[in-house]
Amino acid sequence: MQKLRWGVLSTANIGRTKVIPAIQSSLYGEVVAIASRTLESASKAAKELGIKRAYASYEELLADPNVDAIYNPLPNHLHVPWSIRALEAGKHVLCEKPLGLNAADVEKLIEIAQQYPQLKVMEAFMYRFHPQWQTAKQLVRQGALGQVRSIHSHFAYNNQEQDNIRNIPEWGGGALMDIGCYCISLARFIYDEEPLRVLGQITPYAGFDVDCFVSGILEFADGNATFTASTKSEAEQYVEIHGEYGSILIPLPFNPIADTVTHIILKRDGAIDEIVQVPSDHYRNMADAFTASVTNNLAVPTPLSDALANMKIVDSIFASAFDGHWISIT
């Protein structure tokens, strides 16, 4: 399979430390160009990461005929505008989550993407490409837990930097947009359906205008999902899936260390089974799956409709927290 030639918009940390190394070690991709707002920044990153070409603007990179696909890790408010410009330049697009600032923003991208059916566009929810999540989904489908009745997820880290992009409201900052969206996505992934209604709660935090502590309840047809997400507390993450006959614990659900063994814990009838997962890098798996869609002209693994559905629930959690009541999902 011919390698997909990637260009990266910005020198964002997630790209430099996670996605670019993953693509470079992948079977079917190579990063050939990177752009920043200054040539100095782009050149520094290119030298450190072994990337051939550095550009002083995103426009220059998009004009490069030797770039097939764009990875967009820009701040949230720039996801849709620059993904649209990439499509207009004839590039496939893998865009960081959340795909937009709200559902209406995502719908703009979908509308434009429909005008370029030959190009692939996908939201970069990398966690779904890790074997531990594939195993968890398979166990649920096989009925190992019986009917799933509840899911609880917790995702937290501590970011006190006032000027960090995740603490700037107009740039789409806040806990729900940054990490709470994972908790929503995984619940939909495991139940394999959309919630009927949601309830959200946000606790204010002095000195910050974004949501720093957010909780939510998602009501599904046969169960519920609850979550807490925080950007101002001790780093911690886990997911518990509870069914009528058993449960699954995923201790590191969202960012396990690449290419290391991971574990999920299955409990059934009082017996505990620790299921070892093979070493894997979900960023690399995601990049290769996206490349396969491009090369074989197949649908991407995670369609834009999924991104829109997730964004609608994010919007509804915000609306519920503001109004103080349940919001039905239509």
C-alpha atoms as a PDB file:
ATOM      1  CA  MET A   1       0.000   0.000   0.000  1.00  0.00           C
ATOM      2  CA  GLN A   2       1.366   3.425  -0.964  1.00  0.00           C
ATOM      3  CA  LYS A   3       2.003   5.622   2.055  1.00  0.00           C
ATOM      4  CA  LEU A   4      -0.373   8.506   2.680  1.00  0.00           C
ATOM      5  CA  ARG A   5       1.520  11.806   2.802  1.00  0.00           C
ATOM      6  CA  TRP A   6       0.439  13.866   5.813  1.00  0.00           C
ATOM      7  CA  GLY A   7       0.712  17.566   6.532  1.00  0.00           C
ATOM      8  CA  VAL A   8       0.156  18.862  10.066  1.00  0.00           C
ATOM      9  CA  LEU A   9      -1.462  22.205  10.824  1.00  0.00           C
ATOM     10  CA  SER A  10       0.376  23.695  13.822  1.00  0.00           C
ATOM     11  CA  THR A  11       3.002  22.485  16.255  1.00  0.00           C
ATOM     12  CA  ALA A  12       0.431  21.645  18.931  1.00  0.00           C
ATOM     13  CA  ASN A  13       1.665  19.383  21.707  1.00  0.00           C
ATOM     14  CA  ILE A  14      -0.751  16.552  20.873  1.00  0.00           C
ATOM     15  CA  GLY A  15       0.655  16.435  17.351  1.00  0.00           C
ATOM     16  CA  ARG A  16       4.325  16.637  18.312  1.00  0.00           C
ATOM     17  CA  THR A  17       4.189  14.101  21.126  1.00  0.00           C
ATOM     18  CA  LYS A  18       1.476  11.663  20.065  1.00  0.00           C
ATOM     19  CA  VAL A  19       0.070  11.784  16.550  1.00  0.00           C
ATOM     20  CA  ILE A  20       3.143  12.646  14.467  1.00  0.00           C
ATOM     21  CA  PRO A  21       5.330   9.927  16.066  1.00  0.00           C
ATOM     22  CA  ALA A  22       2.447   7.482  15.616  1.00  0.00           C
ATOM     23  CA  ILE A  23       2.044   8.280  11.921  1.00  0.00           C
ATOM     24  CA  GLN A  24       5.789   8.088  11.361  1.00  0.00           C
ATOM     25  CA  SER A  25       5.869   4.611  12.895  1.00  0.00           C
ATOM     26  CA  SER A  26       2.762   3.469  11.033  1.00  0.00           C
ATOM     27  CA  LEU A  27       2.699   1.063   8.128  1.00  0.00           C
ATOM     28  CA  TYR A  28       0.853   3.284   5.715  1.00  0.00           C
ATOM     29  CA  GLY A  29       1.607   6.925   6.509  1.00  0.00           C
ATOM     30  CA  GLU A  30       4.396   9.497   6.616  1.00  0.00           C
ATOM     31  CA  VAL A  31       4.435  13.112   7.805  1.00  0.00           C
ATOM     32  CA  VAL A  32       6.029  15.183   5.043  1.00  0.00           C
ATOM     33  CA  ALA A  33       5.162  18.744   6.099  1.00  0.00           C
ATOM     34  CA  ILE A  34       4.307  20.829   9.150  1.00  0.00           C
ATOM     35  CA  ALA A  35       3.118  24.430   9.413  1.00  0.00           C
ATOM     36  CA  SER A  36       3.051  27.004  12.159  1.00  0.00           C
ATOM     37  CA  ARG A  37       2.381  30.726  12.437  1.00  0.00           C
ATOM     38  CA  THR A  38       6.143  31.324  12.231  1.00  0.00           C
ATOM     39  CA  LEU A  39       8.815  29.598  10.161  1.00  0.00           C
ATOM     40  CA  GLU A  40      11.025  29.386  13.242  1.00  0.00           C
ATOM     41  CA  SER A  41       8.479  27.318  15.138  1.00  0.00           C
ATOM     42  CA  ALA A  42       7.690  25.067  12.173  1.00  0.00           C
ATOM     43  CA  SER A  43      11.370  24.524  11.347  1.00  0.00           C
ATOM     44  CA  LYS A  44      12.199  23.650  14.948  1.00  0.00           C
ATOM     45  CA  ALA A  45       9.448  21.034  15.079  1.00  0.00           C
ATOM     46  CA  ALA A  46      10.382  19.680  11.643  1.00  0.00           C
ATOM     47  CA  LYS A  47      14.006  19.242  12.682  1.00  0.00           C
ATOM     48  CA  GLU A  48      13.090  17.549  15.980  1.00  0.00           C
ATOM     49  CA  LEU A  49      10.626  15.170  14.317  1.00  0.00           C
ATOM     50  CA  GLY A  50      12.422  14.469  11.046  1.00  0.00           C
ATOM     51  CA  ILE A  51       9.838  16.155   8.823  1.00  0.00           C
ATOM     52  CA  LYS A  52      11.033  17.214   5.370  1.00  0.00           C
ATOM     53  CA  ARG A  53       9.237  20.526   4.874  1.00  0.00           C
ATOM     54  CA  ALA A  54       8.299  23.378   7.215  1.00  0.00           C
ATOM     55  CA  TYR A  55       5.910  26.206   6.363  1.00  0.00           C
ATOM     56  CA  ALA A  56       5.364  29.613   7.967  1.00  0.00           C
ATOM     57  CA  SER A  57       1.611  29.543   7.335  1.00  0.00           C
ATOM     58  CA  TYR A  58      -1.189  27.015   7.087  1.00  0.00           C
ATOM     59  CA  GLU A  59      -2.052  28.347   3.625  1.00  0.00           C
ATOM     60  CA  GLU A  60       1.409  27.389   2.316  1.00  0.00           C
ATOM     61  CA  LEU A  61       1.048  23.843   3.575  1.00  0.00           C
ATOM     62  CA  LEU A  62      -2.406  23.446   2.045  1.00  0.00           C
ATOM     63  CA  ALA A  63      -0.965  24.583  -1.293  1.00  0.00           C
ATOM     64  CA  ASP A  64       1.658  21.802  -1.228  1.00  0.00           C
ATOM     65  CA  PRO A  65       0.718  19.312  -4.002  1.00  0.00           C
ATOM     66  CA  ASN A  66       2.755  16.597  -2.281  1.00  0.00           C
ATOM     67  CA  VAL A  67       0.467  16.515   0.769  1.00  0.00           C
ATOM     68  CA  ASP A  68      -2.464  14.098   0.564  1.00  0.00           C
ATOM     69  CA  ALA A  69      -4.056  14.483   3.993  1.00  0.00           C
ATOM     70  CA  ILE A  70      -4.181  17.024   6.802  1.00  0.00           C
ATOM     71  CA  TYR A  71      -4.096  16.409  10.531  1.00  0.00           C
ATOM     72  CA  ASN A  72      -5.748  19.364  12.273  1.00  0.00           C
ATOM     73  CA  PRO A  73      -4.863  19.746  15.991  1.00  0.00           C
ATOM     74  CA  LEU A  74      -5.586  23.491  16.117  1.00  0.00           C
ATOM     75  CA  PRO A  75      -7.594  25.011  19.007  1.00  0.00           C
ATOM     76  CA  ASN A  76     -11.259  23.984  18.938  1.00  0.00           C
ATOM     77  CA  HIS A  77     -12.548  27.198  17.369  1.00  0.00           C
ATOM     78  CA  LEU A  78     -10.271  26.621  14.355  1.00  0.00           C
ATOM     79  CA  HIS A  79     -11.225  23.002  13.716  1.00  0.00           C
ATOM     80  CA  VAL A  80     -14.066  23.677  11.301  1.00  0.00           C
ATOM     81  CA  PRO A  81     -12.627  26.700   9.415  1.00  0.00           C
ATOM     82  CA  TRP A  82      -9.294  25.058   8.646  1.00  0.00           C
ATOM     83  CA  SER A  83     -10.784  21.644   7.953  1.00  0.00           C
ATOM     84  CA  ILE A  84     -13.023  23.302   5.364  1.00  0.00           C
ATOM     85  CA  ARG A  85     -10.021  25.065   3.824  1.00  0.00           C
ATOM     86  CA  ALA A  86      -8.186  21.747   3.688  1.00  0.00           C
ATOM     87  CA  LEU A  87     -11.091  20.148   1.817  1.00  0.00           C
ATOM     88  CA  GLU A  88     -11.180  23.071  -0.583  1.00  0.00           C
ATOM     89  CA  ALA A  89      -7.466  22.472  -1.195  1.00  0.00           C
ATOM     90  CA  GLY A  90      -8.201  18.841  -2.073  1.00  0.00           C
ATOM     91  CA  LYS A  91      -6.885  17.228   1.108  1.00  0.00           C
ATOM     92  CA  HIS A  92      -8.326  14.457   3.237  1.00  0.00           C
ATOM     93  CA  VAL A  93      -8.867  15.581   6.843  1.00  0.00           C
ATOM     94  CA  LEU A  94      -8.345  14.008  10.245  1.00  0.00           C
ATOM     95  CA  CYS A  95      -9.453  16.612  12.786  1.00  0.00           C
ATOM     96  CA  GLU A  96      -8.982  16.569  16.537  1.00  0.00           C
ATOM     97  CA  LYS A  97     -11.976  16.258  18.839  1.00  0.00           C
ATOM     98  CA  PRO A  98     -14.319  17.887  19.446  1.00  0.00           C
ATOM     99  CA  LEU A  99     -14.958  18.473  15.765  1.00  0.00           C
ATOM    100  CA  GLY A 100     -16.474  21.931  16.328  1.00  0.00           C
ATOM    101  CA  LEU A 101     -17.633  24.454  18.903  1.00  0.00           C
ATOM    102  CA  ASN A 102     -21.221  23.187  18.751  1.00  0.00           C
ATOM    103  CA  ALA A 103     -23.551  21.129  16.579  1.00  0.00           C
ATOM    104  CA  ALA A 104     -24.234  24.015  14.195  1.00  0.00           C
ATOM    105  CA  ASP A 105     -20.482  24.376  13.647  1.00  0.00           C
ATOM    106  CA  VAL A 106     -20.141  20.667  12.852  1.00  0.00           C
ATOM    107  CA  GLU A 107     -23.080  20.861  10.447  1.00  0.00           C
ATOM    108  CA  LYS A 108     -21.175  23.509   8.456  1.00  0.00           C
ATOM    109  CA  LEU A 109     -18.294  21.089   7.981  1.00  0.00           C
ATOM    110  CA  ILE A 110     -20.621  18.241   7.035  1.00  0.00           C
ATOM    111  CA  GLU A 111     -22.314  20.422   4.434  1.00  0.00           C
ATOM    112  CA  ILE A 112     -18.980  21.288   2.827  1.00  0.00           C
ATOM    113  CA  ALA A 113     -17.667  17.713   3.088  1.00  0.00           C
ATOM    114  CA  GLN A 114     -20.689  16.512   1.097  1.00  0.00           C
ATOM    115  CA  GLN A 115     -19.441  18.651  -1.783  1.00  0.00           C
ATOM    116  CA  TYR A 116     -16.179  16.649  -1.830  1.00  0.00           C
ATOM    117  CA  PRO A 117     -17.307  12.990  -1.748  1.00  0.00           C
ATOM    118  CA  GLN A 118     -13.893  11.849  -2.981  1.00  0.00           C
ATOM    119  CA  LEU A 119     -12.259  13.190   0.202  1.00  0.00           C
ATOM    120  CA  LYS A 120     -12.345  11.517   3.616  1.00  0.00           C
ATOM    121  CA  VAL A 121     -13.038  13.452   6.818  1.00  0.00           C
ATOM    122  CA  MET A 122     -12.963  12.001  10.321  1.00  0.00           C
ATOM    123  CA  GLU A 123     -12.939  13.166  13.934  1.00  0.00           C
ATOM    124  CA  ALA A 124      -9.872  11.925  15.814  1.00  0.00           C
ATOM    125  CA  PHE A 125     -11.399  10.039  18.746  1.00  0.00           C
ATOM    126  CA  MET A 126      -8.390   7.760  19.048  1.00  0.00           C
ATOM    127  CA  TYR A 127      -9.499   5.728  22.079  1.00  0.00           C
ATOM    128  CA  ARG A 128     -11.912   3.590  20.015  1.00  0.00           C
ATOM    129  CA  PHE A 129      -8.958   2.175  18.070  1.00  0.00           C
ATOM    130  CA  HIS A 130      -7.286   0.629  21.117  1.00  0.00           C
ATOM    131  CA  PRO A 131      -7.673  -3.165  21.576  1.00  0.00           C
ATOM    132  CA  GLN A 132      -8.978  -2.693  25.114  1.00  0.00           C
ATOM    133  CA  TRP A 133     -12.049  -0.880  23.779  1.00  0.00           C
ATOM    134  CA  GLN A 134     -12.552  -3.402  21.015  1.00  0.00           C
ATOM    135  CA  THR A 135     -12.413  -6.147  23.650  1.00  0.00           C
ATOM    136  CA  ALA A 136     -14.849  -4.330  25.935  1.00  0.00           C
ATOM    137  CA  LYS A 137     -17.288  -3.795  23.074  1.00  0.00           C
ATOM    138  CA  GLN A 138     -17.023  -7.457  22.046  1.00  0.00           C
ATOM    139  CA  LEU A 139     -17.666  -8.661  25.618  1.00  0.00           C
ATOM    140  CA  VAL A 140     -20.776  -6.479  25.808  1.00  0.00           C
ATOM    141  CA  ARG A 141     -22.048  -7.680  22.416  1.00  0.00           C
ATOM    142  CA  GLN A 142     -21.482 -11.312  23.387  1.00  0.00           C
ATOM    143  CA  GLY A 143     -23.576 -10.823  26.512  1.00  0.00           C
ATOM    144  CA  ALA A 144     -20.760 -11.380  29.007  1.00  0.00           C
ATOM    145  CA  LEU A 145     -22.318  -8.761  31.298  1.00  0.00           C
ATOM    146  CA  GLY A 146     -25.947  -9.392  30.460  1.00  0.00           C
ATOM    147  CA  GLN A 147     -27.853  -6.197  29.706  1.00  0.00           C
ATOM    148  CA  VAL A 148     -25.691  -3.158  30.426  1.00  0.00           C
ATOM    149  CA  ARG A 149     -27.475  -1.018  32.996  1.00  0.00           C
ATOM    150  CA  SER A 150     -24.942   1.638  33.966  1.00  0.00           C
ATOM    151  CA  ILE A 151     -21.636   3.127  32.875  1.00  0.00           C
ATOM    152  CA  HIS A 152     -19.563   5.522  34.929  1.00  0.00           C
ATOM    153  CA  SER A 153     -16.499   7.353  33.656  1.00  0.00           C
ATOM    154  CA  HIS A 154     -14.131   9.772  35.340  1.00  0.00           C
ATOM    155  CA  PHE A 155     -11.533  11.866  33.518  1.00  0.00           C
ATOM    156  CA  ALA A 156      -9.505  14.580  35.237  1.00  0.00           C
ATOM    157  CA  TYR A 157      -6.247  16.519  35.150  1.00  0.00           C
ATOM    158  CA  ASN A 158      -5.046  19.797  36.661  1.00  0.00           C
ATOM    159  CA  ASN A 159      -4.506  22.794  34.363  1.00  0.00           C
ATOM    160  CA  GLN A 160      -4.158  26.071  36.252  1.00  0.00           C
ATOM    161  CA  GLU A 161      -2.543  28.039  33.380  1.00  0.00           C
ATOM    162  CA  GLN A 162      -4.693  31.113  32.760  1.00  0.00           C
ATOM    163  CA  ASP A 163      -3.550  31.550  29.147  1.00  0.00           C
ATOM    164  CA  ASN A 164      -3.792  27.875  28.182  1.00  0.00           C
ATOM    165  CA  ILE A 165      -6.140  27.386  25.206  1.00  0.00           C
ATOM    166  CA  ARG A 166      -8.242  24.996  27.307  1.00  0.00           C
ATOM    167  CA  ASN A 167      -9.001  27.843  29.707  1.00  0.00           C
ATOM    168  CA  ILE A 168     -10.164  30.321  27.041  1.00  0.00           C
ATOM    169  CA  PRO A 169     -13.968  30.163  26.592  1.00  0.00           C
ATOM    170  CA  GLU A 170     -14.146  31.740  23.129  1.00  0.00           C
ATOM    171  CA  TRP A 171     -11.646  29.153  21.877  1.00  0.00           C
ATOM    172  CA  GLY A 172     -13.830  26.269  23.018  1.00  0.00           C
ATOM    173  CA  GLY A 173     -12.064  25.647  26.301  1.00  0.00           C
ATOM    174  CA  GLY A 174     -13.388  23.876  29.360  1.00  0.00           C
ATOM    175  CA  ALA A 175     -13.614  20.369  30.765  1.00  0.00           C
ATOM    176  CA  LEU A 176     -16.659  19.223  28.791  1.00  0.00           C
ATOM    177  CA  MET A 177     -15.210  20.120  25.397  1.00  0.00           C
ATOM    178  CA  ASP A 178     -11.733  18.832  26.221  1.00  0.00           C
ATOM    179  CA  ILE A 179     -12.317  15.572  28.085  1.00  0.00           C
ATOM    180  CA  GLY A 180     -16.010  15.247  28.963  1.00  0.00           C
ATOM    181  CA  CYS A 181     -16.667  14.596  25.286  1.00  0.00           C
ATOM    182  CA  TYR A 182     -14.788  11.280  25.677  1.00  0.00           C
ATOM    183  CA  CYS A 183     -17.156  10.222  28.458  1.00  0.00           C
ATOM    184  CA  ILE A 184     -20.148  10.952  26.241  1.00  0.00           C
ATOM    185  CA  SER A 185     -18.610   9.210  23.249  1.00  0.00           C
ATOM    186  CA  LEU A 186     -17.758   6.011  25.107  1.00  0.00           C
ATOM    187  CA  ALA A 187     -21.274   5.688  26.547  1.00  0.00           C
ATOM    188  CA  ARG A 188     -22.755   5.927  23.061  1.00  0.00           C
ATOM    189  CA  PHE A 189     -20.113   3.477  21.797  1.00  0.00           C
ATOM    190  CA  ILE A 190     -20.896   0.829  24.405  1.00  0.00           C
ATOM    191  CA  TYR A 191     -24.697   1.169  24.345  1.00  0.00           C
ATOM    192  CA  ASP A 192     -24.510   1.483  20.543  1.00  0.00           C
ATOM    193  CA  GLU A 193     -27.374   3.970  20.571  1.00  0.00           C
ATOM    194  CA  GLU A 194     -28.173   7.557  21.425  1.00  0.00           C
ATOM    195  CA  PRO A 195     -29.417   8.696  24.856  1.00  0.00           C
ATOM    196  CA  LEU A 196     -33.037   9.723  25.242  1.00  0.00           C
ATOM    197  CA  ARG A 197     -32.307  12.673  27.513  1.00  0.00           C
ATOM    198  CA  VAL A 198     -29.434  14.180  29.508  1.00  0.00           C
ATOM    199  CA  LEU A 199     -28.848  16.162  32.680  1.00  0.00           C
ATOM    200  CA  GLY A 200     -25.793  18.331  33.240  1.00  0.00           C
ATOM    201  CA  GLN A 201     -24.222  20.118  36.196  1.00  0.00           C
ATOM    202  CA  ILE A 202     -21.307  22.559  36.240  1.00  0.00           C
ATOM    203  CA  THR A 203     -19.577  23.755  39.410  1.00  0.00           C
ATOM    204  CA  PRO A 204     -18.060  27.260  39.038  1.00  0.00           C
ATOM    205  CA  TYR A 205     -14.369  27.695  39.811  1.00  0.00           C
ATOM    206  CA  ALA A 206     -13.021  31.086  40.893  1.00  0.00           C
ATOM    207  CA  GLY A 207     -10.701  32.792  38.435  1.00  0.00           C
ATOM    208  CA  PHE A 208     -11.786  30.816  35.345  1.00  0.00           C
ATOM    209  CA  ASP A 209     -14.655  31.459  32.929  1.00  0.00           C
ATOM    210  CA  VAL A 210     -14.716  27.968  31.423  1.00  0.00           C
ATOM    211  CA  ASP A 211     -16.372  24.926  32.974  1.00  0.00           C
ATOM    212  CA  CYS A 212     -13.724  23.275  35.149  1.00  0.00           C
ATOM    213  CA  PHE A 213     -15.918  20.713  36.938  1.00  0.00           C
ATOM    214  CA  VAL A 214     -18.749  19.111  34.984  1.00  0.00           C
ATOM    215  CA  SER A 215     -20.957  16.093  35.614  1.00  0.00           C
ATOM    216  CA  GLY A 216     -23.630  14.497  33.491  1.00  0.00           C
ATOM    217  CA  ILE A 217     -26.265  11.783  33.352  1.00  0.00           C
ATOM    218  CA  LEU A 218     -27.232  10.207  30.038  1.00  0.00           C
ATOM    219  CA  GLU A 219     -30.450   8.195  30.061  1.00  0.00           C
ATOM    220  CA  PHE A 220     -30.578   5.354  27.534  1.00  0.00           C
ATOM    221  CA  ALA A 221     -33.474   3.024  26.753  1.00  0.00           C
ATOM    222  CA  ASP A 222     -32.245   0.268  29.078  1.00  0.00           C
ATOM    223  CA  GLY A 223     -29.753   1.992  31.348  1.00  0.00           C
ATOM    224  CA  ASN A 224     -27.780   5.136  32.065  1.00  0.00           C
ATOM    225  CA  ALA A 225     -24.305   6.600  31.924  1.00  0.00           C
ATOM    226  CA  THR A 226     -22.840   9.051  34.401  1.00  0.00           C
ATOM    227  CA  PHE A 227     -19.582  10.938  34.177  1.00  0.00           C
ATOM    228  CA  THR A 228     -17.415  13.517  35.881  1.00  0.00           C
ATOM    229  CA  ALA A 229     -14.780  15.565  34.080  1.00  0.00           C
ATOM    230  CA  SER A 230     -12.407  18.047  35.667  1.00  0.00           C
ATOM    231  CA  THR A 231      -9.502  20.182  34.526  1.00  0.00           C
ATOM    232  CA  LYS A 232      -8.740  21.435  38.041  1.00  0.00           C
ATOM    233  CA  SER A 233      -8.123  18.307  40.100  1.00  0.00           C
ATOM    234  CA  GLU A 234      -5.707  15.425  40.468  1.00  0.00           C
ATOM    235  CA  ALA A 235      -5.128  13.530  37.233  1.00  0.00           C
ATOM    236  CA  GLU A 236      -7.239  10.376  37.189  1.00  0.00           C
ATOM    237  CA  GLN A 237      -9.235   8.308  34.728  1.00  0.00           C
ATOM    238  CA  TYR A 238     -11.263   5.102  34.688  1.00  0.00           C
ATOM    239  CA  VAL A 239     -14.412   3.602  33.203  1.00  0.00           C
ATOM    240  CA  GLU A 240     -16.768   1.097  34.826  1.00  0.00           C
ATOM    241  CA  ILE A 241     -19.392  -0.778  32.796  1.00  0.00           C
ATOM    242  CA  HIS A 242     -21.997  -2.594  34.891  1.00  0.00           C
ATOM    243  CA  GLY A 243     -24.419  -5.201  33.585  1.00  0.00           C
ATOM    244  CA  GLU A 244     -26.956  -7.545  35.117  1.00  0.00           C
ATOM    245  CA  TYR A 245     -24.443 -10.402  35.471  1.00  0.00           C
ATOM    246  CA  GLY A 246     -21.016  -8.777  35.436  1.00  0.00           C
ATOM    247  CA  SER A 247     -18.891  -5.657  35.116  1.00  0.00           C
ATOM    248  CA  ILE A 248     -15.852  -4.334  33.288  1.00  0.00           C
ATOM    249  CA  LEU A 249     -13.267  -1.939  34.702  1.00  0.00           C
ATOM    250  CA  ILE A 250     -10.922  -0.133  32.311  1.00  0.00           C
ATOM    251  CA  PRO A 251      -8.232   1.516  34.484  1.00  0.00           C
ATOM    252  CA  LEU A 252      -6.615   3.593  31.704  1.00  0.00           C
ATOM    253  CA  PRO A 253      -9.371   4.098  29.161  1.00  0.00           C
ATOM    254  CA  PHE A 254      -8.238   7.204  27.306  1.00  0.00           C
ATOM    255  CA  ASN A 255      -4.468   7.568  27.180  1.00  0.00           C
ATOM    256  CA  PRO A 256      -2.629   4.360  27.968  1.00  0.00           C
ATOM    257  CA  ILE A 257       1.090   4.532  27.253  1.00  0.00           C
ATOM    258  CA  ALA A 258       1.743   3.636  23.623  1.00  0.00           C
ATOM    259  CA  ASP A 259       3.003   0.147  22.843  1.00  0.00           C
ATOM    260  CA  THR A 260       2.660  -1.152  26.390  1.00  0.00           C
ATOM    261  CA  VAL A 261       0.513  -3.911  27.819  1.00  0.00           C
ATOM    262  CA  THR A 262      -2.853  -2.767  29.180  1.00  0.00           C
ATOM    263  CA  HIS A 263      -5.490  -4.546  31.229  1.00  0.00           C
ATOM    264  CA  ILE A 264      -9.246  -4.639  31.542  1.00  0.00           C
ATOM    265  CA  ILE A 265     -10.848  -6.344  34.503  1.00  0.00           C
ATOM    266  CA  LEU A 266     -13.902  -8.525  33.981  1.00  0.00           C
ATOM    267  CA  LYS A 267     -15.893  -9.456  37.080  1.00  0.00           C
ATOM    268  CA  ARG A 268     -18.658 -12.056  36.847  1.00  0.00           C
ATOM    269  CA  ASP A 269     -20.327 -14.144  39.532  1.00  0.00           C
ATOM    270  CA  GLY A 270     -17.738 -12.982  42.046  1.00  0.00           C
ATOM    271  CA  ALA A 271     -14.820 -14.180  39.912  1.00  0.00           C
ATOM    272  CA  ILE A 272     -12.289 -11.648  38.621  1.00  0.00           C
ATOM    273  CA  ASP A 273     -10.538 -12.114  35.287  1.00  0.00           C
ATOM    274  CA  GLU A 274      -7.745  -9.706  34.358  1.00  0.00           C
ATOM    275  CA  ILE A 275      -7.655  -9.643  30.557  1.00  0.00           C
ATOM    276  CA  VAL A 276      -4.259  -8.596  29.193  1.00  0.00           C
ATOM    277  CA  GLN A 277      -4.337  -6.492  26.045  1.00  0.00           C
ATOM    278  CA  VAL A 278      -1.495  -6.612  23.547  1.00  0.00           C
ATOM    279  CA  PRO A 279       0.799  -3.573  23.330  1.00  0.00           C
ATOM    280  CA  SER A 280      -0.718  -1.026  20.988  1.00  0.00           C
ATOM    281  CA  ASP A 281      -0.737   2.646  20.006  1.00  0.00           C
ATOM    282  CA  HIS A 282      -4.274   3.858  19.386  1.00  0.00           C
ATOM    283  CA  TYR A 283      -3.012   6.917  17.503  1.00  0.00           C
ATOM    284  CA  ARG A 284      -1.131   4.684  15.060  1.00  0.00           C
ATOM    285  CA  ASN A 285      -4.132   2.382  14.732  1.00  0.00           C
ATOM    286  CA  MET A 286      -6.358   5.373  14.008  1.00  0.00           C
ATOM    287  CA  ALA A 287      -3.978   6.737  11.365  1.00  0.00           C
ATOM    288  CA  ASP A 288      -3.709   3.373   9.619  1.00  0.00           C
ATOM    289  CA  ALA A 289      -7.489   2.864   9.691  1.00  0.00           C
ATOM    290  CA  PHE A 290      -7.986   6.317   8.179  1.00  0.00           C
ATOM    291  CA  THR A 291      -5.346   5.602   5.526  1.00  0.00           C
ATOM    292  CA  ALA A 292      -7.056   2.326   4.629  1.00  0.00           C
ATOM    293  CA  SER A 293     -10.294   4.256   4.071  1.00  0.00           C
ATOM    294  CA  VAL A 294      -8.495   6.644   1.731  1.00  0.00           C
ATOM    295  CA  THR A 295      -6.545   3.996  -0.169  1.00  0.00           C
ATOM    296  CA  ASN A 296      -9.467   1.603  -0.603  1.00  0.00           C
ATOM    297  CA  ASN A 297     -12.103   4.324  -0.972  1.00  0.00           C
ATOM    298  CA  LEU A 298     -14.092   3.018   1.982  1.00  0.00           C
ATOM    299  CA  ALA A 299     -16.172   4.851   4.548  1.00  0.00           C
ATOM    300  CA  VAL A 300     -14.122   6.127   7.484  1.00  0.00           C
ATOM    301  CA  PRO A 301     -14.487   4.087  10.695  1.00  0.00           C
ATOM    302  CA  THR A 302     -16.076   6.988  12.573  1.00  0.00           C
ATOM    303  CA  PRO A 303     -18.445   8.951  10.305  1.00  0.00           C
ATOM    304  CA  LEU A 304     -19.197  12.637  10.671  1.00  0.00           C
ATOM    305  CA  SER A 305     -22.712  11.715  11.756  1.00  0.00           C
ATOM    306  CA  ASP A 306     -21.172  10.264  14.924  1.00  0.00           C
ATOM    307  CA  ALA A 307     -19.277  13.495  15.555  1.00  0.00           C
ATOM    308  CA  LEU A 308     -22.477  15.492  15.111  1.00  0.00           C
ATOM    309  CA  ALA A 309     -24.425  13.207  17.475  1.00  0.00           C
ATOM    310  CA  ASN A 310     -21.730  13.581  20.136  1.00  0.00           C
ATOM    311  CA  MET A 311     -21.680  17.346  19.715  1.00  0.00           C
ATOM    312  CA  LYS A 312     -25.445  17.566  20.116  1.00  0.00           C
ATOM    313  CA  ILE A 313     -25.134  15.886  23.496  1.00  0.00           C
ATOM    314  CA  VAL A 314     -22.313  18.225  24.528  1.00  0.00           C
ATOM    315  CA  ASP A 315     -24.593  21.135  23.619  1.00  0.00           C
ATOM    316  CA  SER A 316     -27.434  19.577  25.613  1.00  0.00           C
ATOM    317  CA  ILE A 317     -25.268  19.046  28.710  1.00  0.00           C
ATOM    318  CA  PHE A 318     -24.355  22.744  28.606  1.00  0.00           C
ATOM    319  CA  ALA A 319     -28.005  23.720  28.123  1.00  0.00           C
ATOM    320  CA  SER A 320     -29.124  21.464  30.970  1.00  0.00           C
ATOM    321  CA  ALA A 321     -26.501  22.846  33.349  1.00  0.00           C
ATOM    322  CA  PHE A 322     -27.585  26.386  32.470  1.00  0.00           C
ATOM    323  CA  ASP A 323     -31.343  25.760  32.745  1.00  0.00           C
ATOM    324  CA  GLY A 324     -31.267  23.213  35.551  1.00  0.00           C
ATOM    325  CA  HIS A 325     -33.456  20.519  33.983  1.00  0.00           C
ATOM    326  CA  TRP A 326     -33.333  17.439  31.752  1.00  0.00           C
ATOM    327  CA  ILE A 327     -32.894  17.989  28.015  1.00  0.00           C
ATOM    328  CA  SER A 328     -34.474  15.514  25.580  1.00  0.00           C
ATOM    329  CA  ILE A 329     -32.318  14.390  22.657  1.00  0.00           C
ATOM    330  CA  THR A 330     -34.071  14.514  19.304  1.00  0.00           C
END
